[in-house]
Amino acid sequence: MENTMKKQLITAFIALTISSLAQADDIAAGEAAYASKGCIGCHGAAGNSTLPDTAKLNGQHALYLTNALNAYKNGGRNHPVMTAMAAGLSDDEIKQISAYLAAQ
């Protein structure tokens, strides 16, 4: 029984480590995409907008951000600038930008 429990703990540790590394990659890629896709222009450094009519995105839940960007991309939300911006994002970029902003 002890060996089985050790194997389960090691497997869980490896899975968490791999998941953490993948999330770190998403965050780094998201930071680059956030800057290169022009998001920073309106939403500010690290998603901390100083514009009164622009949402602050830092610290928002990644799933919320992913859903919002997909809704802009697919026409579920209508905002001329965001619809155009989201249209140029791949699914991976949406995931990565969301992970980056959630980590802020």
PDB file of N, CA and C in Angstrom:
ATOM      1  N   MET A   1       0.822  -1.196   0.000  1.00  0.00           N
ATOM      2  CA  MET A   1       0.000   0.000   0.000  1.00  0.00           C
ATOM      3  C   MET A   1       0.863   1.256   0.000  1.00  0.00           C
ATOM      4  N   GLU A   2       1.953   1.222   0.734  1.00  0.00           N
ATOM      5  CA  GLU A   2       2.823   2.393   0.834  1.00  0.00           C
ATOM      6  C   GLU A   2       3.431   2.746  -0.527  1.00  0.00           C
ATOM      7  N   ASN A   3       3.864   1.743  -1.293  1.00  0.00           N
ATOM      8  CA  ASN A   3       4.418   1.996  -2.622  1.00  0.00           C
ATOM      9  C   ASN A   3       3.382   2.609  -3.560  1.00  0.00           C
ATOM     10  N   THR A   4       2.164   2.123  -3.476  1.00  0.00           N
ATOM     11  CA  THR A   4       1.097   2.657  -4.316  1.00  0.00           C
ATOM     12  C   THR A   4       0.851   4.124  -4.000  1.00  0.00           C
ATOM     13  N   MET A   5       0.836   4.460  -2.718  1.00  0.00           N
ATOM     14  CA  MET A   5       0.612   5.840  -2.311  1.00  0.00           C
ATOM     15  C   MET A   5       1.774   6.730  -2.764  1.00  0.00           C
ATOM     16  N   LYS A   6       3.003   6.239  -2.655  1.00  0.00           N
ATOM     17  CA  LYS A   6       4.165   7.007  -3.119  1.00  0.00           C
ATOM     18  C   LYS A   6       4.081   7.259  -4.619  1.00  0.00           C
ATOM     19  N   LYS A   7       3.690   6.238  -5.365  1.00  0.00           N
ATOM     20  CA  LYS A   7       3.558   6.384  -6.818  1.00  0.00           C
ATOM     21  C   LYS A   7       2.478   7.409  -7.154  1.00  0.00           C
ATOM     22  N   GLN A   8       1.379   7.381  -6.432  1.00  0.00           N
ATOM     23  CA  GLN A   8       0.301   8.341  -6.675  1.00  0.00           C
ATOM     24  C   GLN A   8       0.761   9.767  -6.369  1.00  0.00           C
ATOM     25  N   LEU A   9       1.498   9.935  -5.280  1.00  0.00           N
ATOM     26  CA  LEU A   9       2.005  11.257  -4.923  1.00  0.00           C
ATOM     27  C   LEU A   9       3.010  11.759  -5.949  1.00  0.00           C
ATOM     28  N   ILE A  10       3.877  10.886  -6.411  1.00  0.00           N
ATOM     29  CA  ILE A  10       4.865  11.274  -7.419  1.00  0.00           C
ATOM     30  C   ILE A  10       4.168  11.636  -8.724  1.00  0.00           C
ATOM     31  N   THR A  11       3.188  10.847  -9.109  1.00  0.00           N
ATOM     32  CA  THR A  11       2.428  11.130 -10.331  1.00  0.00           C
ATOM     33  C   THR A  11       1.708  12.471 -10.216  1.00  0.00           C
ATOM     34  N   ALA A  12       1.099  12.728  -9.068  1.00  0.00           N
ATOM     35  CA  ALA A  12       0.396  14.002  -8.859  1.00  0.00           C
ATOM     36  C   ALA A  12       1.381  15.167  -8.901  1.00  0.00           C
ATOM     37  N   PHE A  13       2.547  14.995  -8.299  1.00  0.00           N
ATOM     38  CA  PHE A  13       3.562  16.042  -8.309  1.00  0.00           C
ATOM     39  C   PHE A  13       4.037  16.337  -9.731  1.00  0.00           C
ATOM     40  N   ILE A  14       4.281  15.308 -10.494  1.00  0.00           N
ATOM     41  CA  ILE A  14       4.731  15.481 -11.884  1.00  0.00           C
ATOM     42  C   ILE A  14       3.648  16.190 -12.696  1.00  0.00           C
ATOM     43  N   ALA A  15       2.413  15.787 -12.517  1.00  0.00           N
ATOM     44  CA  ALA A  15       1.307  16.410 -13.250  1.00  0.00           C
ATOM     45  C   ALA A  15       1.184  17.889 -12.893  1.00  0.00           C
ATOM     46  N   LEU A  16       1.301  18.218 -11.610  1.00  0.00           N
ATOM     47  CA  LEU A  16       1.227  19.619 -11.188  1.00  0.00           C
ATOM     48  C   LEU A  16       2.402  20.428 -11.730  1.00  0.00           C
ATOM     49  N   THR A  17       3.572  19.832 -11.748  1.00  0.00           N
ATOM     50  CA  THR A  17       4.760  20.513 -12.267  1.00  0.00           C
ATOM     51  C   THR A  17       4.595  20.802 -13.754  1.00  0.00           C
ATOM     52  N   ILE A  18       4.152  19.809 -14.508  1.00  0.00           N
ATOM     53  CA  ILE A  18       3.942  19.995 -15.949  1.00  0.00           C
ATOM     54  C   ILE A  18       2.872  21.056 -16.183  1.00  0.00           C
ATOM     55  N   SER A  19       1.800  21.014 -15.413  1.00  0.00           N
ATOM     56  CA  SER A  19       0.729  21.993 -15.542  1.00  0.00           C
ATOM     57  C   SER A  19       1.237  23.401 -15.227  1.00  0.00           C
ATOM     58  N   SER A  20       2.053  23.526 -14.191  1.00  0.00           N
ATOM     59  CA  SER A  20       2.615  24.832 -13.828  1.00  0.00           C
ATOM     60  C   SER A  20       3.535  25.366 -14.905  1.00  0.00           C
ATOM     61  N   LEU A  21       4.345  24.485 -15.482  1.00  0.00           N
ATOM     62  CA  LEU A  21       5.237  24.912 -16.559  1.00  0.00           C
ATOM     63  C   LEU A  21       4.449  25.351 -17.781  1.00  0.00           C
ATOM     64  N   ALA A  22       3.400  24.617 -18.116  1.00  0.00           N
ATOM     65  CA  ALA A  22       2.556  24.986 -19.257  1.00  0.00           C
ATOM     66  C   ALA A  22       1.881  26.323 -18.994  1.00  0.00           C
ATOM     67  N   GLN A  23       1.418  26.535 -17.767  1.00  0.00           N
ATOM     68  CA  GLN A  23       0.769  27.800 -17.432  1.00  0.00           C
ATOM     69  C   GLN A  23       1.781  28.940 -17.517  1.00  0.00           C
ATOM     70  N   ALA A  24       3.013  28.723 -17.067  1.00  0.00           N
ATOM     71  CA  ALA A  24       4.051  29.752 -17.162  1.00  0.00           C
ATOM     72  C   ALA A  24       4.341  30.088 -18.616  1.00  0.00           C
ATOM     73  N   ASP A  25       4.344  29.074 -19.486  1.00  0.00           N
ATOM     74  CA  ASP A  25       4.527  29.316 -20.919  1.00  0.00           C
ATOM     75  C   ASP A  25       3.377  30.142 -21.479  1.00  0.00           C
ATOM     76  N   ASP A  26       2.149  29.822 -21.068  1.00  0.00           N
ATOM     77  CA  ASP A  26       0.974  30.580 -21.519  1.00  0.00           C
ATOM     78  C   ASP A  26       1.072  32.037 -21.076  1.00  0.00           C
ATOM     79  N   ILE A  27       1.500  32.257 -19.844  1.00  0.00           N
ATOM     80  CA  ILE A  27       1.610  33.613 -19.317  1.00  0.00           C
ATOM     81  C   ILE A  27       2.664  34.404 -20.082  1.00  0.00           C
ATOM     82  N   ALA A  28       3.823  33.805 -20.321  1.00  0.00           N
ATOM     83  CA  ALA A  28       4.887  34.490 -21.069  1.00  0.00           C
ATOM     84  C   ALA A  28       4.446  34.781 -22.500  1.00  0.00           C
ATOM     85  N   ALA A  29       3.829  33.803 -23.144  1.00  0.00           N
ATOM     86  CA  ALA A  29       3.335  34.000 -24.505  1.00  0.00           C
ATOM     87  C   ALA A  29       2.203  35.027 -24.517  1.00  0.00           C
ATOM     88  N   GLY A  30       1.382  35.007 -23.490  1.00  0.00           N
ATOM     89  CA  GLY A  30       0.284  35.963 -23.385  1.00  0.00           C
ATOM     90  C   GLY A  30       0.765  37.388 -23.216  1.00  0.00           C
ATOM     91  N   GLU A  31       1.825  37.566 -22.454  1.00  0.00           N
ATOM     92  CA  GLU A  31       2.398  38.907 -22.285  1.00  0.00           C
ATOM     93  C   GLU A  31       2.896  39.440 -23.629  1.00  0.00           C
ATOM     94  N   ALA A  32       3.565  38.577 -24.386  1.00  0.00           N
ATOM     95  CA  ALA A  32       4.068  38.980 -25.703  1.00  0.00           C
ATOM     96  C   ALA A  32       2.913  39.289 -26.657  1.00  0.00           C
ATOM     97  N   ALA A  33       1.890  38.448 -26.663  1.00  0.00           N
ATOM     98  CA  ALA A  33       0.743  38.670 -27.544  1.00  0.00           C
ATOM     99  C   ALA A  33      -0.017  39.923 -27.140  1.00  0.00           C
ATOM    100  N   TYR A  34      -0.176  40.135 -25.854  1.00  0.00           N
ATOM    101  CA  TYR A  34      -0.872  41.314 -25.340  1.00  0.00           C
ATOM    102  C   TYR A  34      -0.216  42.591 -25.861  1.00  0.00           C
ATOM    103  N   ALA A  35       1.105  42.600 -25.848  1.00  0.00           N
ATOM    104  CA  ALA A  35       1.842  43.776 -26.329  1.00  0.00           C
ATOM    105  C   ALA A  35       1.814  43.876 -27.850  1.00  0.00           C
ATOM    106  N   SER A  36       2.038  42.763 -28.533  1.00  0.00           N
ATOM    107  CA  SER A  36       2.175  42.812 -29.993  1.00  0.00           C
ATOM    108  C   SER A  36       0.840  42.974 -30.723  1.00  0.00           C
ATOM    109  N   LYS A  37      -0.244  42.564 -30.112  1.00  0.00           N
ATOM    110  CA  LYS A  37      -1.559  42.659 -30.762  1.00  0.00           C
ATOM    111  C   LYS A  37      -2.245  43.991 -30.496  1.00  0.00           C
ATOM    112  N   GLY A  38      -1.610  44.860 -29.737  1.00  0.00           N
ATOM    113  CA  GLY A  38      -2.136  46.200 -29.519  1.00  0.00           C
ATOM    114  C   GLY A  38      -3.045  46.358 -28.313  1.00  0.00           C
ATOM    115  N   CYS A  39      -3.219  45.325 -27.532  1.00  0.00           N
ATOM    116  CA  CYS A  39      -4.112  45.388 -26.370  1.00  0.00           C
ATOM    117  C   CYS A  39      -3.676  46.479 -25.388  1.00  0.00           C
ATOM    118  N   ILE A  40      -2.363  46.604 -25.256  1.00  0.00           N
ATOM    119  CA  ILE A  40      -1.781  47.542 -24.296  1.00  0.00           C
ATOM    120  C   ILE A  40      -2.178  48.988 -24.606  1.00  0.00           C
ATOM    121  N   GLY A  41      -2.463  49.274 -25.877  1.00  0.00           N
ATOM    122  CA  GLY A  41      -2.813  50.630 -26.275  1.00  0.00           C
ATOM    123  C   GLY A  41      -4.030  51.180 -25.551  1.00  0.00           C
ATOM    124  N   CYS A  42      -5.032  50.365 -25.342  1.00  0.00           N
ATOM    125  CA  CYS A  42      -6.248  50.806 -24.643  1.00  0.00           C
ATOM    126  C   CYS A  42      -6.315  50.302 -23.207  1.00  0.00           C
ATOM    127  N   HIS A  43      -5.928  49.045 -23.014  1.00  0.00           N
ATOM    128  CA  HIS A  43      -6.100  48.428 -21.695  1.00  0.00           C
ATOM    129  C   HIS A  43      -4.922  48.644 -20.763  1.00  0.00           C
ATOM    130  N   GLY A  44      -3.850  49.280 -21.266  1.00  0.00           N
ATOM    131  CA  GLY A  44      -2.733  49.668 -20.414  1.00  0.00           C
ATOM    132  C   GLY A  44      -1.779  48.542 -20.082  1.00  0.00           C
ATOM    133  N   ALA A  45      -0.676  48.926 -19.472  1.00  0.00           N
ATOM    134  CA  ALA A  45       0.341  47.961 -19.056  1.00  0.00           C
ATOM    135  C   ALA A  45      -0.275  46.971 -18.081  1.00  0.00           C
ATOM    136  N   ALA A  46      -0.054  45.713 -18.348  1.00  0.00           N
ATOM    137  CA  ALA A  46      -0.542  44.616 -17.496  1.00  0.00           C
ATOM    138  C   ALA A  46      -2.055  44.648 -17.299  1.00  0.00           C
ATOM    139  N   GLY A  47      -2.786  45.244 -18.243  1.00  0.00           N
ATOM    140  CA  GLY A  47      -4.241  45.258 -18.166  1.00  0.00           C
ATOM    141  C   GLY A  47      -4.809  46.267 -17.189  1.00  0.00           C
ATOM    142  N   ASN A  48      -3.977  47.217 -16.767  1.00  0.00           N
ATOM    143  CA  ASN A  48      -4.404  48.207 -15.789  1.00  0.00           C
ATOM    144  C   ASN A  48      -4.701  49.528 -16.498  1.00  0.00           C
ATOM    145  N   SER A  49      -5.827  49.585 -17.174  1.00  0.00           N
ATOM    146  CA  SER A  49      -6.206  50.752 -17.967  1.00  0.00           C
ATOM    147  C   SER A  49      -6.348  51.994 -17.103  1.00  0.00           C
ATOM    148  N   THR A  50      -5.908  53.114 -17.659  1.00  0.00           N
ATOM    149  CA  THR A  50      -6.120  54.403 -17.006  1.00  0.00           C
ATOM    150  C   THR A  50      -7.177  55.213 -17.760  1.00  0.00           C
ATOM    151  N   LEU A  51      -7.713  54.659 -18.837  1.00  0.00           N
ATOM    152  CA  LEU A  51      -8.755  55.337 -19.611  1.00  0.00           C
ATOM    153  C   LEU A  51     -10.114  55.109 -18.943  1.00  0.00           C
ATOM    154  N   PRO A  52     -10.908  56.147 -18.794  1.00  0.00           N
ATOM    155  CA  PRO A  52     -12.162  56.005 -18.039  1.00  0.00           C
ATOM    156  C   PRO A  52     -13.178  55.047 -18.658  1.00  0.00           C
ATOM    157  N   ASP A  53     -13.191  54.899 -19.969  1.00  0.00           N
ATOM    158  CA  ASP A  53     -14.192  54.035 -20.621  1.00  0.00           C
ATOM    159  C   ASP A  53     -13.633  52.695 -21.067  1.00  0.00           C
ATOM    160  N   THR A  54     -12.461  52.332 -20.567  1.00  0.00           N
ATOM    161  CA  THR A  54     -11.821  51.077 -20.975  1.00  0.00           C
ATOM    162  C   THR A  54     -11.652  50.177 -19.751  1.00  0.00           C
ATOM    163  N   ALA A  55     -12.056  48.942 -19.900  1.00  0.00           N
ATOM    164  CA  ALA A  55     -12.035  47.997 -18.783  1.00  0.00           C
ATOM    165  C   ALA A  55     -10.621  47.713 -18.288  1.00  0.00           C
ATOM    166  N   LYS A  56     -10.501  47.615 -16.968  1.00  0.00           N
ATOM    167  CA  LYS A  56      -9.281  47.104 -16.354  1.00  0.00           C
ATOM    168  C   LYS A  56      -9.403  45.590 -16.376  1.00  0.00           C
ATOM    169  N   LEU A  57      -8.408  44.928 -16.943  1.00  0.00           N
ATOM    170  CA  LEU A  57      -8.480  43.478 -17.133  1.00  0.00           C
ATOM    171  C   LEU A  57      -7.582  42.696 -16.188  1.00  0.00           C
ATOM    172  N   ASN A  58      -6.656  43.389 -15.536  1.00  0.00           N
ATOM    173  CA  ASN A  58      -5.718  42.669 -14.674  1.00  0.00           C
ATOM    174  C   ASN A  58      -6.449  41.998 -13.509  1.00  0.00           C
ATOM    175  N   GLY A  59      -6.100  40.741 -13.297  1.00  0.00           N
ATOM    176  CA  GLY A  59      -6.667  39.996 -12.194  1.00  0.00           C
ATOM    177  C   GLY A  59      -8.025  39.370 -12.466  1.00  0.00           C
ATOM    178  N   GLN A  60      -8.601  39.613 -13.635  1.00  0.00           N
ATOM    179  CA  GLN A  60      -9.867  38.963 -13.980  1.00  0.00           C
ATOM    180  C   GLN A  60      -9.627  37.456 -14.144  1.00  0.00           C
ATOM    181  N   HIS A  61     -10.643  36.670 -13.939  1.00  0.00           N
ATOM    182  CA  HIS A  61     -10.530  35.228 -14.085  1.00  0.00           C
ATOM    183  C   HIS A  61     -10.261  34.869 -15.549  1.00  0.00           C
ATOM    184  N   ALA A  62      -9.328  33.961 -15.783  1.00  0.00           N
ATOM    185  CA  ALA A  62      -8.929  33.598 -17.150  1.00  0.00           C
ATOM    186  C   ALA A  62     -10.104  33.090 -17.977  1.00  0.00           C
ATOM    187  N   LEU A  63     -10.986  32.304 -17.386  1.00  0.00           N
ATOM    188  CA  LEU A  63     -12.129  31.779 -18.138  1.00  0.00           C
ATOM    189  C   LEU A  63     -13.065  32.908 -18.562  1.00  0.00           C
ATOM    190  N   TYR A  64     -13.277  33.876 -17.688  1.00  0.00           N
ATOM    191  CA  TYR A  64     -14.107  35.032 -18.034  1.00  0.00           C
ATOM    192  C   TYR A  64     -13.506  35.772 -19.227  1.00  0.00           C
ATOM    193  N   LEU A  65     -12.189  36.022 -19.177  1.00  0.00           N
ATOM    194  CA  LEU A  65     -11.521  36.744 -20.265  1.00  0.00           C
ATOM    195  C   LEU A  65     -11.568  35.960 -21.569  1.00  0.00           C
ATOM    196  N   THR A  66     -11.342  34.660 -21.473  1.00  0.00           N
ATOM    197  CA  THR A  66     -11.408  33.798 -22.665  1.00  0.00           C
ATOM    198  C   THR A  66     -12.799  33.856 -23.282  1.00  0.00           C
ATOM    199  N   ASN A  67     -13.815  33.732 -22.445  1.00  0.00           N
ATOM    200  CA  ASN A  67     -15.195  33.776 -22.943  1.00  0.00           C
ATOM    201  C   ASN A  67     -15.519  35.132 -23.556  1.00  0.00           C
ATOM    202  N   ALA A  68     -15.060  36.201 -22.926  1.00  0.00           N
ATOM    203  CA  ALA A  68     -15.330  37.542 -23.450  1.00  0.00           C
ATOM    204  C   ALA A  68     -14.655  37.744 -24.800  1.00  0.00           C
ATOM    205  N   LEU A  69     -13.382  37.364 -24.915  1.00  0.00           N
ATOM    206  CA  LEU A  69     -12.677  37.521 -26.191  1.00  0.00           C
ATOM    207  C   LEU A  69     -13.305  36.670 -27.282  1.00  0.00           C
ATOM    208  N   ASN A  70     -13.692  35.451 -26.939  1.00  0.00           N
ATOM    209  CA  ASN A  70     -14.369  34.602 -27.929  1.00  0.00           C
ATOM    210  C   ASN A  70     -15.707  35.192 -28.348  1.00  0.00           C
ATOM    211  N   ALA A  71     -16.417  35.800 -27.404  1.00  0.00           N
ATOM    212  CA  ALA A  71     -17.703  36.426 -27.736  1.00  0.00           C
ATOM    213  C   ALA A  71     -17.502  37.608 -28.684  1.00  0.00           C
ATOM    214  N   TYR A  72     -16.465  38.404 -28.467  1.00  0.00           N
ATOM    215  CA  TYR A  72     -16.163  39.491 -29.407  1.00  0.00           C
ATOM    216  C   TYR A  72     -15.799  38.918 -30.775  1.00  0.00           C
ATOM    217  N   LYS A  73     -14.986  37.882 -30.760  1.00  0.00           N
ATOM    218  CA  LYS A  73     -14.522  37.270 -32.005  1.00  0.00           C
ATOM    219  C   LYS A  73     -15.670  36.659 -32.805  1.00  0.00           C
ATOM    220  N   ASN A  74     -16.618  36.057 -32.112  1.00  0.00           N
ATOM    221  CA  ASN A  74     -17.706  35.325 -32.770  1.00  0.00           C
ATOM    222  C   ASN A  74     -19.001  36.116 -32.885  1.00  0.00           C
ATOM    223  N   GLY A  75     -18.995  37.385 -32.486  1.00  0.00           N
ATOM    224  CA  GLY A  75     -20.176  38.219 -32.635  1.00  0.00           C
ATOM    225  C   GLY A  75     -21.157  38.175 -31.487  1.00  0.00           C
ATOM    226  N   GLY A  76     -20.836  37.469 -30.420  1.00  0.00           N
ATOM    227  CA  GLY A  76     -21.721  37.414 -29.260  1.00  0.00           C
ATOM    228  C   GLY A  76     -21.720  38.704 -28.457  1.00  0.00           C
ATOM    229  N   ARG A  77     -20.645  39.445 -28.551  1.00  0.00           N
ATOM    230  CA  ARG A  77     -20.546  40.778 -27.962  1.00  0.00           C
ATOM    231  C   ARG A  77     -20.242  41.739 -29.094  1.00  0.00           C
ATOM    232  N   ASN A  78     -20.789  42.928 -29.003  1.00  0.00           N
ATOM    233  CA  ASN A  78     -20.613  43.886 -30.081  1.00  0.00           C
ATOM    234  C   ASN A  78     -19.937  45.150 -29.563  1.00  0.00           C
ATOM    235  N   HIS A  79     -18.733  45.346 -30.000  1.00  0.00           N
ATOM    236  CA  HIS A  79     -17.988  46.580 -29.747  1.00  0.00           C
ATOM    237  C   HIS A  79     -17.052  46.727 -30.936  1.00  0.00           C
ATOM    238  N   PRO A  80     -17.170  47.787 -31.693  1.00  0.00           N
ATOM    239  CA  PRO A  80     -16.421  47.888 -32.956  1.00  0.00           C
ATOM    240  C   PRO A  80     -14.920  47.639 -32.826  1.00  0.00           C
ATOM    241  N   VAL A  81     -14.293  48.221 -31.830  1.00  0.00           N
ATOM    242  CA  VAL A  81     -12.842  48.059 -31.676  1.00  0.00           C
ATOM    243  C   VAL A  81     -12.515  46.647 -31.206  1.00  0.00           C
ATOM    244  N   MET A  82     -13.218  46.163 -30.181  1.00  0.00           N
ATOM    245  CA  MET A  82     -12.903  44.845 -29.636  1.00  0.00           C
ATOM    246  C   MET A  82     -13.236  43.730 -30.624  1.00  0.00           C
ATOM    247  N   THR A  83     -14.293  43.899 -31.382  1.00  0.00           N
ATOM    248  CA  THR A  83     -14.637  42.891 -32.380  1.00  0.00           C
ATOM    249  C   THR A  83     -13.523  42.772 -33.413  1.00  0.00           C
ATOM    250  N   ALA A  84     -13.015  43.914 -33.861  1.00  0.00           N
ATOM    251  CA  ALA A  84     -11.918  43.903 -34.840  1.00  0.00           C
ATOM    252  C   ALA A  84     -10.644  43.331 -34.232  1.00  0.00           C
ATOM    253  N   MET A  85     -10.343  43.689 -32.994  1.00  0.00           N
ATOM    254  CA  MET A  85      -9.125  43.208 -32.336  1.00  0.00           C
ATOM    255  C   MET A  85      -9.208  41.688 -32.117  1.00  0.00           C
ATOM    256  N   ALA A  86     -10.317  41.216 -31.615  1.00  0.00           N
ATOM    257  CA  ALA A  86     -10.467  39.794 -31.299  1.00  0.00           C
ATOM    258  C   ALA A  86     -10.489  38.939 -32.562  1.00  0.00           C
ATOM    259  N   ALA A  87     -10.971  39.506 -33.660  1.00  0.00           N
ATOM    260  CA  ALA A  87     -11.039  38.748 -34.914  1.00  0.00           C
ATOM    261  C   ALA A  87      -9.661  38.272 -35.361  1.00  0.00           C
ATOM    262  N   GLY A  88      -8.633  39.010 -35.017  1.00  0.00           N
ATOM    263  CA  GLY A  88      -7.276  38.648 -35.421  1.00  0.00           C
ATOM    264  C   GLY A  88      -6.550  37.741 -34.456  1.00  0.00           C
ATOM    265  N   LEU A  89      -7.209  37.307 -33.394  1.00  0.00           N
ATOM    266  CA  LEU A  89      -6.562  36.451 -32.395  1.00  0.00           C
ATOM    267  C   LEU A  89      -6.865  34.978 -32.656  1.00  0.00           C
ATOM    268  N   SER A  90      -5.842  34.158 -32.538  1.00  0.00           N
ATOM    269  CA  SER A  90      -6.044  32.709 -32.618  1.00  0.00           C
ATOM    270  C   SER A  90      -6.598  32.220 -31.278  1.00  0.00           C
ATOM    271  N   ASP A  91      -7.095  30.994 -31.259  1.00  0.00           N
ATOM    272  CA  ASP A  91      -7.584  30.407 -30.005  1.00  0.00           C
ATOM    273  C   ASP A  91      -6.463  30.340 -28.971  1.00  0.00           C
ATOM    274  N   ASP A  92      -5.256  29.991 -29.403  1.00  0.00           N
ATOM    275  CA  ASP A  92      -4.112  29.932 -28.481  1.00  0.00           C
ATOM    276  C   ASP A  92      -3.780  31.308 -27.929  1.00  0.00           C
ATOM    277  N   GLU A  93      -3.815  32.326 -28.778  1.00  0.00           N
ATOM    278  CA  GLU A  93      -3.518  33.685 -28.302  1.00  0.00           C
ATOM    279  C   GLU A  93      -4.559  34.148 -27.292  1.00  0.00           C
ATOM    280  N   ILE A  94      -5.810  33.820 -27.518  1.00  0.00           N
ATOM    281  CA  ILE A  94      -6.861  34.174 -26.565  1.00  0.00           C
ATOM    282  C   ILE A  94      -6.587  33.507 -25.228  1.00  0.00           C
ATOM    283  N   LYS A  95      -6.272  32.250 -25.248  1.00  0.00           N
ATOM    284  CA  LYS A  95      -5.958  31.502 -24.022  1.00  0.00           C
ATOM    285  C   LYS A  95      -4.746  32.109 -23.323  1.00  0.00           C
ATOM    286  N   GLN A  96      -3.722  32.432 -24.075  1.00  0.00           N
ATOM    287  CA  GLN A  96      -2.489  32.960 -23.494  1.00  0.00           C
ATOM    288  C   GLN A  96      -2.679  34.363 -22.926  1.00  0.00           C
ATOM    289  N   ILE A  97      -3.358  35.223 -23.660  1.00  0.00           N
ATOM    290  CA  ILE A  97      -3.616  36.582 -23.163  1.00  0.00           C
ATOM    291  C   ILE A  97      -4.464  36.509 -21.889  1.00  0.00           C
ATOM    292  N   SER A  98      -5.447  35.636 -21.885  1.00  0.00           N
ATOM    293  CA  SER A  98      -6.300  35.471 -20.700  1.00  0.00           C
ATOM    294  C   SER A  98      -5.487  35.000 -19.504  1.00  0.00           C
ATOM    295  N   ALA A  99      -4.579  34.047 -19.718  1.00  0.00           N
ATOM    296  CA  ALA A  99      -3.731  33.555 -18.631  1.00  0.00           C
ATOM    297  C   ALA A  99      -2.828  34.668 -18.110  1.00  0.00           C
ATOM    298  N   TYR A 100      -2.262  35.447 -19.037  1.00  0.00           N
ATOM    299  CA  TYR A 100      -1.392  36.558 -18.643  1.00  0.00           C
ATOM    300  C   TYR A 100      -2.147  37.579 -17.784  1.00  0.00           C
ATOM    301  N   LEU A 101      -3.309  38.003 -18.259  1.00  0.00           N
ATOM    302  CA  LEU A 101      -4.062  39.016 -17.518  1.00  0.00           C
ATOM    303  C   LEU A 101      -4.549  38.490 -16.175  1.00  0.00           C
ATOM    304  N   ALA A 102      -4.948  37.244 -16.112  1.00  0.00           N
ATOM    305  CA  ALA A 102      -5.407  36.650 -14.864  1.00  0.00           C
ATOM    306  C   ALA A 102      -4.283  36.603 -13.831  1.00  0.00           C
ATOM    307  N   ALA A 103      -3.061  36.481 -14.297  1.00  0.00           N
ATOM    308  CA  ALA A 103      -1.911  36.385 -13.386  1.00  0.00           C
ATOM    309  C   ALA A 103      -1.454  37.746 -12.863  1.00  0.00           C
ATOM    310  N   GLN A 104      -2.025  38.805 -13.385  1.00  0.00           N
ATOM    311  CA  GLN A 104      -1.593  40.159 -12.971  1.00  0.00           C
ATOM    312  C   GLN A 104      -2.261  40.576 -11.678  1.00  0.00           C
TER     313      GLN A 104
END
